[in-house]
C-alpha atoms as a PDB file:
ATOM      1  CA  MET A   1     140.211  52.361 -12.161  1.00  0.00           C
ATOM      2  CA  SER A   2     138.666  52.878 -15.155  1.00  0.00           C
ATOM      3  CA  THR A   3     135.808  51.748 -16.173  1.00  0.00           C
ATOM      4  CA  ASP A   4     134.538  49.791 -19.453  1.00  0.00           C
ATOM      5  CA  LEU A   5     131.294  51.505 -20.662  1.00  0.00           C
ATOM      6  CA  ASN A   6     130.886  49.242 -23.901  1.00  0.00           C
ATOM      7  CA  PRO A   7     129.576  45.800 -22.280  1.00  0.00           C
ATOM      8  CA  PRO A   8     130.847  42.737 -24.017  1.00  0.00           C
ATOM      9  CA  ARG A   9     128.450  41.410 -26.658  1.00  0.00           C
ATOM     10  CA  PRO A  10     127.118  38.030 -27.198  1.00  0.00           C
ATOM     11  CA  ALA A  11     128.535  35.818 -29.170  1.00  0.00           C
ATOM     12  CA  VAL A  12     126.346  35.438 -32.777  1.00  0.00           C
ATOM     13  CA  ALA A  13     126.524  32.404 -34.420  1.00  0.00           C
ATOM     14  CA  VAL A  14     128.358  32.525 -37.584  1.00  0.00           C
ATOM     15  CA  ARG A  15     126.595  31.050 -40.748  1.00  0.00           C
ATOM     16  CA  THR A  16     129.040  28.832 -42.667  1.00  0.00           C
ATOM     17  CA  ALA A  17     129.826  28.184 -45.869  1.00  0.00           C
ATOM     18  CA  THR A  18     128.211  24.908 -46.085  1.00  0.00           C
ATOM     19  CA  ALA A  19     124.506  26.311 -44.635  1.00  0.00           C
ATOM     20  CA  ASP A  20     121.716  26.724 -46.196  1.00  0.00           C
ATOM     21  CA  PRO A  21     121.933  29.715 -48.102  1.00  0.00           C
ATOM     22  CA  ARG A  22     118.046  30.447 -48.282  1.00  0.00           C
ATOM     23  CA  PRO A  23     116.557  33.081 -45.536  1.00  0.00           C
ATOM     24  CA  VAL A  24     115.219  31.965 -42.845  1.00  0.00           C
ATOM     25  CA  ALA A  25     112.035  33.126 -41.857  1.00  0.00           C
ATOM     26  CA  GLU A  26     111.807  34.570 -38.284  1.00  0.00           C
ATOM     27  CA  PRO A  27     108.815  34.889 -36.116  1.00  0.00           C
ATOM     28  CA  ALA A  28     107.280  38.226 -36.265  1.00  0.00           C
ATOM     29  CA  PRO A  29     107.316  40.096 -32.915  1.00  0.00           C
ATOM     30  CA  ALA A  30     104.049  39.891 -30.862  1.00  0.00           C
ATOM     31  CA  PRO A  31     102.571  43.099 -30.599  1.00  0.00           C
ATOM     32  CA  PRO A  32     102.895  44.958 -27.125  1.00  0.00           C
ATOM     33  CA  ARG A  33     100.338  44.627 -24.603  1.00  0.00           C
ATOM     34  CA  ALA A  34      99.050  47.088 -22.091  1.00  0.00           C
ATOM     35  CA  PRO A  35     100.273  47.227 -18.831  1.00  0.00           C
ATOM     36  CA  GLY A  36      98.298  44.600 -16.467  1.00  0.00           C
ATOM     37  CA  THR A  37      96.803  42.913 -19.583  1.00  0.00           C
ATOM     38  CA  GLU A  38      97.097  38.994 -19.944  1.00  0.00           C
ATOM     39  CA  ALA A  39      97.489  37.315 -23.400  1.00  0.00           C
ATOM     40  CA  ALA A  40      95.177  35.813 -25.168  1.00  0.00           C
ATOM     41  CA  PRO A  41      94.435  32.259 -25.288  1.00  0.00           C
ATOM     42  CA  ALA A  42      95.322  30.514 -28.403  1.00  0.00           C
ATOM     43  CA  PRO A  43      92.970  29.717 -30.972  1.00  0.00           C
ATOM     44  CA  LEU A  44      91.316  26.474 -31.361  1.00  0.00           C
ATOM     45  CA  PRO A  45      91.801  24.486 -34.458  1.00  0.00           C
ATOM     46  CA  VAL A  46      88.852  24.938 -36.625  1.00  0.00           C
ATOM     47  CA  THR A  47      87.347  21.888 -38.355  1.00  0.00           C
ATOM     48  CA  PRO A  48      84.488  22.057 -40.632  1.00  0.00           C
ATOM     49  CA  ALA A  49      82.301  20.670 -37.830  1.00  0.00           C
ATOM     50  CA  GLY A  50      83.469  24.069 -35.731  1.00  0.00           C
ATOM     51  CA  PRO A  51      86.431  24.179 -33.073  1.00  0.00           C
ATOM     52  CA  VAL A  52      88.074  21.282 -31.634  1.00  0.00           C
ATOM     53  CA  ASP A  53      88.967  21.262 -28.012  1.00  0.00           C
ATOM     54  CA  ARG A  54      90.395  17.966 -27.535  1.00  0.00           C
ATOM     55  CA  ALA A  55      94.033  16.907 -27.748  1.00  0.00           C
ATOM     56  CA  PRO A  56      94.709  14.987 -31.475  1.00  0.00           C
ATOM     57  CA  GLY A  57      93.434  10.913 -30.606  1.00  0.00           C
ATOM     58  CA  ALA A  58      91.195  11.686 -28.165  1.00  0.00           C
ATOM     59  CA  GLU A  59      87.638  10.291 -28.532  1.00  0.00           C
ATOM     60  CA  ARG A  60      84.421  12.880 -29.164  1.00  0.00           C
ATOM     61  CA  ALA A  61      82.718  13.540 -26.491  1.00  0.00           C
ATOM     62  CA  PRO A  62      78.912  12.381 -26.742  1.00  0.00           C
ATOM     63  CA  ASP A  63      76.700  15.133 -27.606  1.00  0.00           C
ATOM     64  CA  PRO A  64      74.240  15.678 -24.440  1.00  0.00           C
ATOM     65  CA  ALA A  65      71.390  16.931 -26.825  1.00  0.00           C
ATOM     66  CA  ARG A  66      71.525  13.684 -29.106  1.00  0.00           C
ATOM     67  CA  GLY A  67      70.755  10.905 -26.523  1.00  0.00           C
ATOM     68  CA  PRO A  68      67.697  12.796 -24.786  1.00  0.00           C
ATOM     69  CA  GLY A  69      66.375  14.190 -28.078  1.00  0.00           C
ATOM     70  CA  VAL A  70      66.053  10.373 -29.623  1.00  0.00           C
ATOM     71  CA  LEU A  71      64.497   9.317 -25.924  1.00  0.00           C
ATOM     72  CA  ARG A  72      62.096  12.184 -25.915  1.00  0.00           C
ATOM     73  CA  ARG A  73      60.816  10.900 -29.558  1.00  0.00           C
ATOM     74  CA  LEU A  74      60.738   7.448 -28.260  1.00  0.00           C
ATOM     75  CA  ALA A  75      58.647   8.491 -25.290  1.00  0.00           C
ATOM     76  CA  GLY A  76      56.266  10.381 -26.960  1.00  0.00           C
ATOM     77  CA  LEU A  77      55.419   7.907 -29.879  1.00  0.00           C
ATOM     78  CA  LEU A  78      55.011   4.957 -26.916  1.00  0.00           C
ATOM     79  CA  LEU A  79      52.692   7.731 -25.120  1.00  0.00           C
ATOM     80  CA  SER A  80      50.655   9.032 -27.998  1.00  0.00           C
ATOM     81  CA  GLY A  81      49.823   5.292 -28.744  1.00  0.00           C
ATOM     82  CA  ALA A  82      49.364   4.583 -25.221  1.00  0.00           C
ATOM     83  CA  VAL A  83      46.831   7.354 -25.156  1.00  0.00           C
ATOM     84  CA  LYS A  84      44.928   5.731 -28.706  1.00  0.00           C
ATOM     85  CA  SER A  85      44.625   2.574 -26.889  1.00  0.00           C
ATOM     86  CA  VAL A  86      43.134   3.796 -23.922  1.00  0.00           C
ATOM     87  CA  ALA A  87      39.669   3.990 -25.496  1.00  0.00           C
ATOM     88  CA  ILE A  88      39.576   0.581 -27.437  1.00  0.00           C
ATOM     89  CA  LEU A  89      40.708  -0.957 -23.994  1.00  0.00           C
ATOM     90  CA  ALA A  90      38.196   0.806 -22.055  1.00  0.00           C
ATOM     91  CA  LEU A  91      35.517  -0.533 -24.348  1.00  0.00           C
ATOM     92  CA  LEU A  92      36.930  -3.913 -24.493  1.00  0.00           C
ATOM     93  CA  LEU A  93      36.654  -3.848 -20.721  1.00  0.00           C
ATOM     94  CA  LEU A  94      33.065  -2.721 -20.514  1.00  0.00           C
ATOM     95  CA  TRP A  95      31.920  -5.339 -22.910  1.00  0.00           C
ATOM     96  CA  GLU A  96      33.396  -8.138 -20.847  1.00  0.00           C
ATOM     97  CA  LEU A  97      32.205  -6.604 -17.789  1.00  0.00           C
ATOM     98  CA  ALA A  98      28.939  -5.921 -18.536  1.00  0.00           C
ATOM     99  CA  PRO A  99      27.792  -9.288 -19.389  1.00  0.00           C
ATOM    100  CA  ARG A 100      29.332 -10.976 -16.732  1.00  0.00           C
ATOM    101  CA  PHE A 101      27.624  -8.642 -14.038  1.00  0.00           C
ATOM    102  CA  GLU A 102      24.047  -8.928 -16.132  1.00  0.00           C
ATOM    103  CA  LEU A 103      23.934  -5.169 -17.017  1.00  0.00           C
ATOM    104  CA  VAL A 104      22.714  -6.616 -20.242  1.00  0.00           C
ATOM    105  CA  ASP A 105      21.755  -9.833 -21.529  1.00  0.00           C
ATOM    106  CA  PRO A 106      24.648 -12.055 -21.967  1.00  0.00           C
ATOM    107  CA  THR A 107      22.203 -14.468 -24.476  1.00  0.00           C
ATOM    108  CA  PHE A 108      22.329 -11.389 -26.815  1.00  0.00           C
ATOM    109  CA  LEU A 109      25.579  -9.975 -26.000  1.00  0.00           C
ATOM    110  CA  PRO A 110      27.923 -12.490 -24.678  1.00  0.00           C
ATOM    111  CA  PRO A 111      31.430 -11.477 -23.019  1.00  0.00           C
ATOM    112  CA  PHE A 112      34.153 -10.569 -24.954  1.00  0.00           C
ATOM    113  CA  SER A 113      36.306 -13.424 -23.908  1.00  0.00           C
ATOM    114  CA  GLU A 114      33.852 -15.827 -25.416  1.00  0.00           C
ATOM    115  CA  VAL A 115      34.204 -14.027 -28.657  1.00  0.00           C
ATOM    116  CA  LEU A 116      37.632 -14.530 -28.673  1.00  0.00           C
ATOM    117  CA  ASP A 117      37.297 -18.209 -28.291  1.00  0.00           C
ATOM    118  CA  ALA A 118      34.460 -18.649 -31.192  1.00  0.00           C
ATOM    119  CA  TRP A 119      36.753 -16.309 -33.094  1.00  0.00           C
ATOM    120  CA  TYR A 120      39.553 -18.700 -32.716  1.00  0.00           C
ATOM    121  CA  GLY A 121      37.153 -21.733 -33.337  1.00  0.00           C
ATOM    122  CA  LEU A 122      36.299 -20.027 -36.583  1.00  0.00           C
ATOM    123  CA  LEU A 123      40.026 -19.607 -37.534  1.00  0.00           C
ATOM    124  CA  GLN A 124      40.815 -23.565 -36.964  1.00  0.00           C
ATOM    125  CA  ASN A 125      38.317 -24.570 -38.826  1.00  0.00           C
ATOM    126  CA  GLY A 126      38.909 -22.204 -41.776  1.00  0.00           C
ATOM    127  CA  GLN A 127      35.756 -20.506 -41.825  1.00  0.00           C
ATOM    128  CA  LEU A 128      37.039 -17.285 -41.117  1.00  0.00           C
ATOM    129  CA  ALA A 129      40.023 -17.692 -43.295  1.00  0.00           C
ATOM    130  CA  ASP A 130      37.798 -18.506 -46.596  1.00  0.00           C
ATOM    131  CA  ASN A 131      35.121 -16.043 -46.204  1.00  0.00           C
ATOM    132  CA  THR A 132      37.824 -13.170 -45.693  1.00  0.00           C
ATOM    133  CA  VAL A 133      39.506 -13.909 -48.573  1.00  0.00           C
ATOM    134  CA  ALA A 134      35.885 -13.945 -50.449  1.00  0.00           C
ATOM    135  CA  SER A 135      35.270 -10.491 -49.236  1.00  0.00           C
ATOM    136  CA  LEU A 136      38.966  -8.851 -49.375  1.00  0.00           C
ATOM    137  CA  THR A 137      38.917 -10.422 -53.120  1.00  0.00           C
ATOM    138  CA  ARG A 138      35.431  -8.187 -54.057  1.00  0.00           C
ATOM    139  CA  SER A 139      36.516  -5.592 -51.727  1.00  0.00           C
ATOM    140  CA  LEU A 140      39.882  -4.936 -52.969  1.00  0.00           C
ATOM    141  CA  SER A 141      38.917  -5.337 -56.835  1.00  0.00           C
ATOM    142  CA  GLY A 142      35.771  -2.757 -56.229  1.00  0.00           C
ATOM    143  CA  PHE A 143      38.265  -0.599 -54.857  1.00  0.00           C
ATOM    144  CA  GLY A 144      41.159  -0.728 -57.131  1.00  0.00           C
ATOM    145  CA  LEU A 145      39.065  -0.263 -60.311  1.00  0.00           C
ATOM    146  CA  ALA A 146      37.138   2.983 -58.452  1.00  0.00           C
ATOM    147  CA  VAL A 147      40.778   4.627 -58.270  1.00  0.00           C
ATOM    148  CA  VAL A 148      41.788   3.876 -61.897  1.00  0.00           C
ATOM    149  CA  ILE A 149      38.732   5.360 -63.053  1.00  0.00           C
ATOM    150  CA  GLY A 150      37.895   7.925 -60.643  1.00  0.00           C
ATOM    151  CA  VAL A 151      41.548   9.748 -60.241  1.00  0.00           C
ATOM    152  CA  PRO A 152      42.023   9.687 -63.718  1.00  0.00           C
ATOM    153  CA  LEU A 153      38.291  11.240 -64.340  1.00  0.00           C
ATOM    154  CA  GLY A 154      38.619  13.841 -61.718  1.00  0.00           C
ATOM    155  CA  LEU A 155      41.441  15.389 -63.058  1.00  0.00           C
ATOM    156  CA  LEU A 156      39.814  15.471 -66.072  1.00  0.00           C
ATOM    157  CA  ILE A 157      36.750  16.833 -65.002  1.00  0.00           C
ATOM    158  CA  GLY A 158      38.566  19.247 -62.852  1.00  0.00           C
ATOM    159  CA  TRP A 159      41.038  20.632 -65.244  1.00  0.00           C
ATOM    160  CA  TYR A 160      39.087  20.949 -68.590  1.00  0.00           C
ATOM    161  CA  ARG A 161      36.016  23.049 -67.879  1.00  0.00           C
ATOM    162  CA  PRO A 162      34.161  21.901 -70.687  1.00  0.00           C
ATOM    163  CA  VAL A 163      34.346  18.196 -69.559  1.00  0.00           C
ATOM    164  CA  ALA A 164      32.736  19.608 -66.348  1.00  0.00           C
ATOM    165  CA  ASN A 165      30.065  21.550 -67.993  1.00  0.00           C
ATOM    166  CA  LEU A 166      29.194  18.466 -69.758  1.00  0.00           C
ATOM    167  CA  LEU A 167      29.057  15.894 -66.761  1.00  0.00           C
ATOM    168  CA  SER A 168      27.936  17.992 -63.774  1.00  0.00           C
ATOM    169  CA  PRO A 169      24.160  17.155 -64.409  1.00  0.00           C
ATOM    170  CA  LEU A 170      25.003  13.275 -64.364  1.00  0.00           C
ATOM    171  CA  LEU A 171      27.447  13.960 -61.411  1.00  0.00           C
ATOM    172  CA  GLU A 172      24.652  15.677 -59.499  1.00  0.00           C
ATOM    173  CA  LEU A 173      22.170  12.944 -60.411  1.00  0.00           C
ATOM    174  CA  PHE A 174      24.037   9.944 -59.190  1.00  0.00           C
ATOM    175  CA  ARG A 175      25.968  11.382 -56.430  1.00  0.00           C
ATOM    176  CA  ASN A 176      22.864  11.835 -54.181  1.00  0.00           C
ATOM    177  CA  THR A 177      21.520   8.245 -54.554  1.00  0.00           C
ATOM    178  CA  ALA A 178      22.220   5.804 -52.177  1.00  0.00           C
ATOM    179  CA  ALA A 179      24.722   2.527 -53.491  1.00  0.00           C
ATOM    180  CA  LEU A 180      22.590   0.359 -51.267  1.00  0.00           C
ATOM    181  CA  ALA A 181      19.090   1.827 -52.710  1.00  0.00           C
ATOM    182  CA  LEU A 182      20.741   0.360 -55.854  1.00  0.00           C
ATOM    183  CA  LEU A 183      21.801  -2.807 -54.692  1.00  0.00           C
ATOM    184  CA  PRO A 184      18.562  -4.518 -56.165  1.00  0.00           C
ATOM    185  CA  VAL A 185      18.846  -3.055 -59.274  1.00  0.00           C
ATOM    186  CA  PHE A 186      22.489  -4.492 -59.712  1.00  0.00           C
ATOM    187  CA  VAL A 187      21.441  -7.765 -58.967  1.00  0.00           C
ATOM    188  CA  LEU A 188      18.566  -7.722 -61.392  1.00  0.00           C
ATOM    189  CA  ILE A 189      21.016  -6.819 -64.254  1.00  0.00           C
ATOM    190  CA  LEU A 190      24.243  -8.210 -63.382  1.00  0.00           C
ATOM    191  CA  GLY A 191      22.840 -11.499 -61.190  1.00  0.00           C
ATOM    192  CA  ILE A 192      23.706 -12.486 -57.835  1.00  0.00           C
ATOM    193  CA  GLY A 193      27.298 -13.544 -58.610  1.00  0.00           C
ATOM    194  CA  GLU A 194      30.698 -11.974 -58.268  1.00  0.00           C
ATOM    195  CA  THR A 195      30.032  -9.099 -60.718  1.00  0.00           C
ATOM    196  CA  SER A 196      26.902  -7.191 -58.965  1.00  0.00           C
ATOM    197  CA  LYS A 197      28.886  -7.309 -55.623  1.00  0.00           C
ATOM    198  CA  ILE A 198      32.137  -5.746 -57.308  1.00  0.00           C
ATOM    199  CA  SER A 199      29.925  -3.484 -59.456  1.00  0.00           C
ATOM    200  CA  ILE A 200      28.549  -2.104 -56.112  1.00  0.00           C
ATOM    201  CA  VAL A 201      31.773  -1.514 -54.355  1.00  0.00           C
ATOM    202  CA  LEU A 202      32.851   0.270 -57.271  1.00  0.00           C
ATOM    203  CA  TYR A 203      29.903   2.661 -57.727  1.00  0.00           C
ATOM    204  CA  ALA A 204      30.084   3.290 -53.603  1.00  0.00           C
ATOM    205  CA  CYS A 205      33.752   3.813 -53.786  1.00  0.00           C
ATOM    206  CA  LEU A 206      33.888   6.022 -56.968  1.00  0.00           C
ATOM    207  CA  TRP A 207      31.899   8.955 -55.409  1.00  0.00           C
ATOM    208  CA  PRO A 208      34.578  10.078 -52.400  1.00  0.00           C
ATOM    209  CA  ILE A 209      37.277   9.549 -55.090  1.00  0.00           C
ATOM    210  CA  LEU A 210      36.017  11.517 -57.788  1.00  0.00           C
ATOM    211  CA  LEU A 211      34.392  14.589 -56.111  1.00  0.00           C
ATOM    212  CA  ASN A 212      37.530  14.867 -53.660  1.00  0.00           C
ATOM    213  CA  THR A 213      39.622  14.812 -56.718  1.00  0.00           C
ATOM    214  CA  ILE A 214      37.498  17.613 -58.670  1.00  0.00           C
ATOM    215  CA  SER A 215      37.875  19.804 -55.387  1.00  0.00           C
ATOM    216  CA  ALA A 216      41.412  19.099 -55.171  1.00  0.00           C
ATOM    217  CA  VAL A 217      42.283  20.490 -58.676  1.00  0.00           C
ATOM    218  CA  ARG A 218      39.776  23.274 -58.466  1.00  0.00           C
ATOM    219  CA  SER A 219      41.435  24.408 -55.096  1.00  0.00           C
ATOM    220  CA  VAL A 220      45.278  24.629 -55.974  1.00  0.00           C
ATOM    221  CA  ASP A 221      46.675  27.727 -54.961  1.00  0.00           C
ATOM    222  CA  PRO A 222      45.914  30.174 -57.813  1.00  0.00           C
ATOM    223  CA  THR A 223      49.067  31.990 -56.801  1.00  0.00           C
ATOM    224  CA  LEU A 224      51.433  29.217 -57.630  1.00  0.00           C
ATOM    225  CA  ILE A 225      49.880  28.549 -60.993  1.00  0.00           C
ATOM    226  CA  ARG A 226      50.665  32.504 -61.893  1.00  0.00           C
ATOM    227  CA  LEU A 227      54.115  31.611 -60.992  1.00  0.00           C
ATOM    228  CA  ALA A 228      54.497  28.764 -63.227  1.00  0.00           C
ATOM    229  CA  ARG A 229      53.053  30.337 -65.966  1.00  0.00           C
ATOM    230  CA  SER A 230      55.293  33.051 -65.896  1.00  0.00           C
ATOM    231  CA  LEU A 231      57.971  30.304 -66.417  1.00  0.00           C
ATOM    232  CA  ASP A 232      56.765  29.707 -69.505  1.00  0.00           C
ATOM    233  CA  LEU A 233      55.588  26.187 -68.503  1.00  0.00           C
ATOM    234  CA  SER A 234      53.216  24.158 -71.271  1.00  0.00           C
ATOM    235  CA  ALA A 235      50.279  23.167 -69.865  1.00  0.00           C
ATOM    236  CA  PRO A 236      51.174  19.210 -69.463  1.00  0.00           C
ATOM    237  CA  ARG A 237      54.355  20.550 -67.411  1.00  0.00           C
ATOM    238  CA  LEU A 238      52.175  22.814 -65.533  1.00  0.00           C
ATOM    239  CA  PHE A 239      49.884  20.125 -64.504  1.00  0.00           C
ATOM    240  CA  GLN A 240      52.607  17.444 -64.088  1.00  0.00           C
ATOM    241  CA  LYS A 241      54.472  20.024 -61.618  1.00  0.00           C
ATOM    242  CA  VAL A 242      51.926  21.907 -59.852  1.00  0.00           C
ATOM    243  CA  ILE A 243      48.483  20.669 -59.931  1.00  0.00           C
ATOM    244  CA  LEU A 244      48.916  17.216 -59.155  1.00  0.00           C
ATOM    245  CA  PRO A 245      51.600  17.206 -56.647  1.00  0.00           C
ATOM    246  CA  ALA A 246      49.248  19.831 -55.066  1.00  0.00           C
ATOM    247  CA  SER A 247      46.139  17.758 -55.310  1.00  0.00           C
ATOM    248  CA  VAL A 248      47.352  14.677 -53.913  1.00  0.00           C
ATOM    249  CA  PRO A 249      46.462  15.316 -50.016  1.00  0.00           C
ATOM    250  CA  VAL A 250      42.769  15.984 -50.775  1.00  0.00           C
ATOM    251  CA  ILE A 251      42.614  13.002 -53.551  1.00  0.00           C
ATOM    252  CA  PHE A 252      44.045  10.666 -50.659  1.00  0.00           C
ATOM    253  CA  THR A 253      41.142  11.711 -48.549  1.00  0.00           C
ATOM    254  CA  GLY A 254      38.983  10.278 -50.938  1.00  0.00           C
ATOM    255  CA  VAL A 255      40.888   7.005 -51.320  1.00  0.00           C
ATOM    256  CA  ARG A 256      40.594   6.503 -47.506  1.00  0.00           C
ATOM    257  CA  LEU A 257      36.897   7.673 -47.352  1.00  0.00           C
ATOM    258  CA  ALA A 258      36.410   4.965 -50.554  1.00  0.00           C
ATOM    259  CA  GLY A 259      38.325   2.257 -48.372  1.00  0.00           C
ATOM    260  CA  ALA A 260      35.846   2.323 -45.608  1.00  0.00           C
ATOM    261  CA  VAL A 261      33.195   2.580 -47.867  1.00  0.00           C
ATOM    262  CA  SER A 262      34.558  -0.377 -49.668  1.00  0.00           C
ATOM    263  CA  ILE A 263      34.009  -2.485 -46.680  1.00  0.00           C
ATOM    264  CA  LEU A 264      30.716  -1.305 -45.375  1.00  0.00           C
ATOM    265  CA  VAL A 265      28.741  -1.672 -48.761  1.00  0.00           C
ATOM    266  CA  LEU A 266      30.523  -5.014 -49.375  1.00  0.00           C
ATOM    267  CA  VAL A 267      29.294  -6.712 -46.089  1.00  0.00           C
ATOM    268  CA  ALA A 268      25.373  -5.402 -46.725  1.00  0.00           C
ATOM    269  CA  ALA A 269      25.823  -6.604 -50.448  1.00  0.00           C
ATOM    270  CA  GLU A 270      26.982 -10.271 -49.083  1.00  0.00           C
ATOM    271  CA  MET A 271      23.816 -10.494 -47.270  1.00  0.00           C
ATOM    272  CA  VAL A 272      21.999 -11.079 -50.198  1.00  0.00           C
ATOM    273  CA  GLY A 273      22.574 -14.079 -52.181  1.00  0.00           C
ATOM    274  CA  ALA A 274      26.381 -14.666 -51.058  1.00  0.00           C
ATOM    275  CA  LYS A 275      27.514 -17.870 -50.437  1.00  0.00           C
ATOM    276  CA  ALA A 276      31.039 -16.704 -48.443  1.00  0.00           C
ATOM    277  CA  GLY A 277      32.600 -13.387 -46.917  1.00  0.00           C
ATOM    278  CA  LEU A 278      32.006 -11.857 -43.879  1.00  0.00           C
ATOM    279  CA  GLY A 279      28.735 -10.512 -44.642  1.00  0.00           C
ATOM    280  CA  TYR A 280      27.317 -14.060 -45.329  1.00  0.00           C
ATOM    281  CA  LEU A 281      28.965 -15.246 -41.829  1.00  0.00           C
ATOM    282  CA  ILE A 282      27.499 -12.612 -40.061  1.00  0.00           C
ATOM    283  CA  ASN A 283      24.271 -13.507 -41.610  1.00  0.00           C
ATOM    284  CA  ALA A 284      24.244 -17.033 -41.365  1.00  0.00           C
ATOM    285  CA  SER A 285      25.472 -16.665 -37.554  1.00  0.00           C
ATOM    286  CA  GLN A 286      22.314 -14.567 -36.728  1.00  0.00           C
ATOM    287  CA  TYR A 287      20.113 -16.847 -38.658  1.00  0.00           C
ATOM    288  CA  ASN A 288      21.505 -19.904 -36.782  1.00  0.00           C
ATOM    289  CA  PHE A 289      21.808 -18.231 -33.402  1.00  0.00           C
ATOM    290  CA  ALA A 290      25.758 -18.610 -32.817  1.00  0.00           C
ATOM    291  CA  ILE A 291      25.836 -15.047 -31.641  1.00  0.00           C
ATOM    292  CA  PRO A 292      29.698 -15.623 -30.600  1.00  0.00           C
ATOM    293  CA  GLN A 293      30.321 -16.173 -33.919  1.00  0.00           C
ATOM    294  CA  MET A 294      28.332 -13.433 -35.105  1.00  0.00           C
ATOM    295  CA  TYR A 295      30.261 -10.739 -32.928  1.00  0.00           C
ATOM    296  CA  ALA A 296      33.554 -12.613 -34.423  1.00  0.00           C
ATOM    297  CA  GLY A 297      32.738 -11.896 -37.810  1.00  0.00           C
ATOM    298  CA  ILE A 298      31.673  -8.092 -36.830  1.00  0.00           C
ATOM    299  CA  VAL A 299      35.338  -7.737 -34.899  1.00  0.00           C
ATOM    300  CA  THR A 300      36.917  -9.243 -37.885  1.00  0.00           C
ATOM    301  CA  ILE A 301      35.562  -6.450 -40.080  1.00  0.00           C
ATOM    302  CA  SER A 302      36.356  -3.583 -37.994  1.00  0.00           C
ATOM    303  CA  VAL A 303      39.985  -4.565 -37.337  1.00  0.00           C
ATOM    304  CA  ILE A 304      40.264  -5.165 -41.410  1.00  0.00           C
ATOM    305  CA  GLY A 305      38.728  -1.864 -41.723  1.00  0.00           C
ATOM    306  CA  LEU A 306      41.771  -0.422 -38.981  1.00  0.00           C
ATOM    307  CA  VAL A 307      44.676  -1.978 -40.859  1.00  0.00           C
ATOM    308  CA  PHE A 308      43.072  -1.045 -44.532  1.00  0.00           C
ATOM    309  CA  ASN A 309      42.991   2.750 -42.988  1.00  0.00           C
ATOM    310  CA  GLN A 310      46.412   2.512 -41.812  1.00  0.00           C
ATOM    311  CA  LEU A 311      47.837   1.444 -44.883  1.00  0.00           C
ATOM    312  CA  LEU A 312      46.262   4.330 -46.634  1.00  0.00           C
ATOM    313  CA  VAL A 313      47.583   6.588 -44.066  1.00  0.00           C
ATOM    314  CA  ALA A 314      51.043   5.356 -44.675  1.00  0.00           C
ATOM    315  CA  LEU A 315      50.611   5.649 -48.117  1.00  0.00           C
ATOM    316  CA  GLU A 316      49.497   8.849 -48.357  1.00  0.00           C
ATOM    317  CA  ARG A 317      53.052  10.245 -46.509  1.00  0.00           C
ATOM    318  CA  ARG A 318      54.899   8.468 -48.705  1.00  0.00           C
ATOM    319  CA  PHE A 319      53.758  10.378 -51.509  1.00  0.00           C
ATOM    320  CA  THR A 320      53.169  13.533 -49.721  1.00  0.00           C
ATOM    321  CA  ALA A 321      56.467  13.597 -47.992  1.00  0.00           C
ATOM    322  CA  TRP A 322      57.318  17.068 -49.394  1.00  0.00           C
ATOM    323  CA  ARG A 323      54.984  18.372 -47.348  1.00  0.00           C
ATOM    324  CA  ALA A 324      56.308  20.736 -44.246  1.00  0.00           C
ATOM    325  CA  PRO A 325      55.035  18.889 -41.313  1.00  0.00           C
ATOM    326  CA  LEU A 326      52.968  20.596 -38.932  1.00  0.00           C
ATOM    327  CA  VAL A 327      54.317  22.583 -36.061  1.00  0.00           C
ATOM    328  CA  GLY A 328      52.905  21.655 -32.564  1.00  0.00           C
END
């Protein structure tokens, strides 16, 4: 029996004349694998955000690092606010309990609840609003004028040495003179009207703003100035791009100090010859022995000062948003 050594070949499809004459690209053969190894998995499709490991049309799984981060920040803010409020709440609790347990004379220090009742009564009869508006008008007028005068003058003195040499003796003379010591002088020269009160607030607020502005300009990093000059910046551009932005944080420190001074000095000024204002309300309540109303005026001044300071802090953050946040 004979054996056929050539096995039959499989039938091959013959391309007809009507088929596409272009060559068909065949897939490249896979490289040979070593014995005992497994095939590598196919790479995941890559998007601009990274590899995608989900089927098309499936929803993106929530990022586990995003939600807890927001919750941690929110919890941190709440905890920080609670910690800052503990001392105030403890003070108010002590204020309420000390007179009731007769640790202090309730005649001269009534409980905080009675002060709140007196504050609400002043609010209802309109006295609190009228006196608050009068005080805020004087305080903000003097404070605004101090900012308008103090910041440009401080920049001028800090940047130009001849101007600093000319005005330094006057600055040293008046900076050591207390504003309240000059109150009789302002009253004698300007009278007991609004002009004297706004002027004393202006004088008191001017020095923190002026001195901090001068210090801010003189304490700019010299390396920044040398780098700017190496770029052939003109003096006005150097002042605009380097000196002024670097001085803003220290300038705002003086502005915040001036905001507190504007209220404190005004209250003292309103106790002399004023017919309206929170200082007048406190002084009149003392003379009439209306102790709860007196403390209501004091609490109002404290709240106004706190709100004013927070507004200045928010404004400072707005103008110094370019600074890198502190770590820790």
